[in-house]
Amino acid sequence: MADIPDWVEDRLNPNLNNKLDQRHVVETMLEADRPFFSISQLQSRLKPDVGRGTVRNRLDELQEIDIVAVEEYPDTMKLYYVDHPESEWPLGPAAKEALVDEEIEVYPSAKELVTFRNEMAMSRLMGAGLYLSLLLLTGGAFLAVAGFDDGTTLATPNALVTAGMVLMFFLLALSIGQLLANGIRRVVG
């Protein structure tokens, strides 16, 4: 069972007449890997003979004593979470500290890029390459329409369009390489 923080323990109402007590609901929410729960998700994690109405009643009680908060979404969807007073959002203090302490890698290593391990860096690289190729193609088309082609500079319409097309094919090759690397990783384990 999950350790219940003191701020929760002080607010719980131990009612032995209930089929499902508040403590069990909070323990279930704290020991799970997820921060948000619908009533159905909580019901499936709790005792199998507990009905939706019982789970809803315990959640309403916990909401009244400021242990649980709710986010309401369109289509009558409600997601419940433990409302940690130390956090500004539904995340426990330990998880919030882990996020603050987590080192964000801004510059991926060459090994990560070559082996396609850093998915975020690869998607940023491909996005930047796509923008650059579109800029080259648009610049080449603009220069061709404007009639600028003296043949003496590198910025001729044909050179820009060719560079844009080469970059697009390079990005396509990178995408295929990333798909293959991910497939090989899944197969190898």
Protein backbone atom coordinates (compact mmCIF):
# COMPACT_ATOMS: atom_id res chain seq x y z
CA MET A 1 0.00 0.00 0.00
CA ALA A 2 1.06 3.56 -0.70
CA ASP A 3 2.15 5.76 2.17
CA ILE A 4 -0.49 8.38 2.83
CA PRO A 5 0.93 11.86 3.44
CA ASP A 6 0.16 13.52 6.77
CA TRP A 7 -1.93 16.27 5.15
CA VAL A 8 -4.24 13.56 3.75
CA GLU A 9 -4.26 11.47 6.93
CA ASP A 10 -5.43 14.44 8.99
CA ARG A 11 -8.44 15.02 6.75
CA LEU A 12 -9.70 11.47 6.21
CA ASN A 13 -12.98 10.43 7.76
CA PRO A 14 -12.80 6.77 8.85
CA ASN A 15 -16.34 5.53 8.30
CA LEU A 16 -16.47 1.80 8.92
CA ASN A 17 -20.06 1.54 7.64
CA ASN A 18 -19.03 2.30 4.04
CA LYS A 19 -18.39 -0.50 1.59
CA LEU A 20 -15.47 1.54 0.26
CA ASP A 21 -13.60 3.92 2.52
CA GLN A 22 -11.85 7.16 1.60
CA ARG A 23 -8.46 5.78 2.59
CA HIS A 24 -8.63 2.97 0.02
CA VAL A 25 -9.53 5.42 -2.77
CA VAL A 26 -6.62 7.72 -1.91
CA GLU A 27 -4.18 4.80 -1.56
CA THR A 28 -5.24 3.50 -4.96
CA MET A 29 -4.73 6.90 -6.57
CA LEU A 30 -1.34 7.43 -4.94
CA GLU A 31 0.11 4.02 -5.82
CA ALA A 32 -0.85 4.26 -9.49
CA ASP A 33 1.49 5.48 -12.20
CA ARG A 34 -1.00 8.00 -13.51
CA PRO A 35 -2.07 11.35 -12.04
CA PHE A 36 -5.67 11.50 -13.41
CA PHE A 37 -8.55 9.03 -13.10
CA SER A 38 -12.06 8.79 -14.42
CA ILE A 39 -14.62 7.08 -12.22
CA SER A 40 -14.50 3.97 -14.45
CA GLN A 41 -10.71 3.79 -14.24
CA LEU A 42 -10.79 4.02 -10.46
CA GLN A 43 -13.61 1.51 -10.22
CA SER A 44 -11.59 -1.04 -12.19
CA ARG A 45 -8.61 -0.61 -9.82
CA LEU A 46 -10.72 -0.92 -6.67
CA LYS A 47 -12.65 -3.90 -5.39
CA PRO A 48 -14.61 -5.58 -8.20
CA ASP A 49 -17.89 -5.44 -6.30
CA VAL A 50 -17.83 -1.65 -5.84
CA GLY A 51 -20.29 0.26 -8.01
CA ARG A 52 -19.78 3.52 -9.91
CA GLY A 53 -22.09 5.34 -7.52
CA THR A 54 -20.02 4.29 -4.51
CA VAL A 55 -16.80 5.43 -6.17
CA ARG A 56 -18.44 8.73 -7.16
CA ASN A 57 -19.66 9.26 -3.57
CA ARG A 58 -16.16 8.69 -2.10
CA LEU A 59 -14.64 11.03 -4.70
CA ASP A 60 -17.24 13.69 -3.89
CA GLU A 61 -16.44 13.33 -0.17
CA LEU A 62 -12.71 13.59 -0.85
CA GLN A 63 -13.32 16.64 -2.99
CA GLU A 64 -15.29 18.30 -0.18
CA ILE A 65 -12.38 17.87 2.25
CA ASP A 66 -9.84 19.15 -0.34
CA ILE A 67 -7.94 15.93 -0.90
CA VAL A 68 -9.16 15.31 -4.44
CA ALA A 69 -9.81 17.86 -7.17
CA VAL A 70 -11.60 17.42 -10.48
CA GLU A 71 -11.04 18.64 -14.02
CA GLU A 72 -14.17 18.76 -16.14
CA TYR A 73 -14.02 18.35 -19.90
CA PRO A 74 -16.64 18.56 -22.65
CA ASP A 75 -18.91 15.55 -23.16
CA THR A 76 -19.42 15.28 -19.38
CA MET A 77 -15.98 13.79 -18.77
CA LYS A 78 -14.50 14.33 -15.32
CA LEU A 79 -10.98 13.42 -14.30
CA TYR A 80 -10.08 13.26 -10.61
CA TYR A 81 -6.64 13.70 -9.07
CA VAL A 82 -5.05 14.06 -5.64
CA ASP A 83 -4.78 17.80 -5.09
CA HIS A 84 -1.33 18.12 -3.52
CA PRO A 85 -1.17 21.46 -1.65
CA GLU A 86 2.57 21.78 -2.36
CA SER A 87 1.96 21.75 -6.13
CA GLU A 88 0.37 24.23 -8.46
CA TRP A 89 -0.97 21.39 -10.59
CA PRO A 90 -1.90 17.74 -10.07
CA LEU A 91 1.54 16.39 -9.43
CA GLY A 92 2.99 15.19 -6.18
CA PRO A 93 5.86 17.07 -4.54
CA ALA A 94 8.34 14.25 -5.24
CA ALA A 95 7.42 14.16 -8.91
CA LYS A 96 7.61 17.94 -9.14
CA GLU A 97 11.12 17.86 -7.62
CA ALA A 98 12.12 15.17 -10.11
CA LEU A 99 10.98 17.38 -12.96
CA VAL A 100 12.93 20.34 -11.61
CA ASP A 101 16.04 18.21 -11.06
CA GLU A 102 15.79 16.54 -14.47
CA GLU A 103 18.52 17.76 -16.75
CA ILE A 104 17.11 18.81 -20.09
CA GLU A 105 19.48 17.94 -22.89
CA VAL A 106 19.41 20.83 -25.33
CA TYR A 107 22.18 19.62 -27.64
CA PRO A 108 22.07 15.92 -28.52
CA SER A 109 25.31 14.06 -29.06
CA ALA A 110 26.43 13.00 -32.54
CA LYS A 111 26.00 9.35 -31.48
CA GLU A 112 22.34 9.99 -30.61
CA LEU A 113 21.74 11.61 -33.98
CA VAL A 114 23.53 8.90 -35.97
CA THR A 115 21.75 6.07 -34.14
CA PHE A 116 18.40 7.91 -34.17
CA ARG A 117 18.06 7.52 -30.37
CA ASN A 118 16.96 11.08 -29.58
CA GLU A 119 13.50 11.27 -31.15
CA MET A 120 12.91 14.88 -30.11
CA ALA A 121 16.18 16.04 -31.67
CA MET A 122 15.42 14.13 -34.87
CA SER A 123 11.95 15.64 -35.16
CA ARG A 124 13.38 19.12 -34.59
CA LEU A 125 16.08 18.51 -37.17
CA MET A 126 13.56 17.27 -39.72
CA GLY A 127 11.20 20.16 -39.00
CA ALA A 128 13.98 22.71 -39.47
CA GLY A 129 15.10 20.94 -42.65
CA LEU A 130 11.56 20.98 -44.01
CA TYR A 131 11.23 24.71 -43.38
CA LEU A 132 14.58 25.35 -45.04
CA SER A 133 13.71 23.25 -48.08
CA LEU A 134 10.37 25.05 -48.46
CA LEU A 135 12.19 28.37 -48.16
CA LEU A 136 14.66 27.32 -50.89
CA LEU A 137 11.89 26.11 -53.20
CA THR A 138 9.86 29.29 -52.65
CA GLY A 139 12.93 31.49 -53.19
CA GLY A 140 13.79 29.65 -56.40
CA ALA A 141 10.22 29.98 -57.68
CA PHE A 142 10.16 33.68 -56.79
CA LEU A 143 13.48 34.32 -58.58
CA ALA A 144 12.26 32.39 -61.63
CA VAL A 145 9.03 34.42 -61.79
CA ALA A 146 10.95 37.68 -61.26
CA GLY A 147 13.25 36.75 -64.13
CA PHE A 148 16.45 36.93 -62.09
CA ASP A 149 18.93 34.54 -63.66
CA ASP A 150 22.29 36.01 -64.50
CA GLY A 151 24.08 32.67 -64.17
CA THR A 152 26.96 34.17 -62.20
CA THR A 153 25.78 33.69 -58.63
CA LEU A 154 24.83 30.67 -56.59
CA ALA A 155 21.38 32.16 -55.99
CA THR A 156 19.97 31.22 -59.39
CA PRO A 157 16.44 29.83 -59.49
CA ASN A 158 17.67 26.42 -60.63
CA ALA A 159 20.30 26.22 -57.88
CA LEU A 160 17.78 27.10 -55.15
CA VAL A 161 15.16 24.65 -56.42
CA THR A 162 17.79 21.92 -56.76
CA ALA A 163 19.05 22.56 -53.22
CA GLY A 164 15.46 22.46 -51.89
CA MET A 165 14.76 19.16 -53.67
CA VAL A 166 18.03 17.59 -52.48
CA LEU A 167 17.22 18.63 -48.91
CA MET A 168 13.71 17.13 -49.18
CA PHE A 169 15.14 13.80 -50.41
CA PHE A 170 17.68 13.89 -47.57
CA LEU A 171 14.84 14.40 -45.07
CA LEU A 172 12.94 11.51 -46.64
CA ALA A 173 16.03 9.31 -46.25
CA LEU A 174 16.35 10.42 -42.60
CA SER A 175 12.70 9.53 -41.96
CA ILE A 176 13.16 6.09 -43.49
CA GLY A 177 16.36 5.61 -41.47
CA GLN A 178 14.55 6.54 -38.26
CA LEU A 179 11.71 4.12 -39.01
CA LEU A 180 14.19 1.32 -39.72
CA ALA A 181 16.19 2.05 -36.55
CA ASN A 182 13.02 2.03 -34.42
CA GLY A 183 11.90 -1.24 -36.05
CA ILE A 184 15.27 -2.86 -35.41
CA ARG A 185 15.21 -1.68 -31.78
CA ARG A 186 11.75 -3.20 -31.29
CA VAL A 187 12.82 -6.53 -32.77
CA VAL A 188 16.16 -6.71 -30.93
CA GLY A 189 14.58 -5.63 -27.70
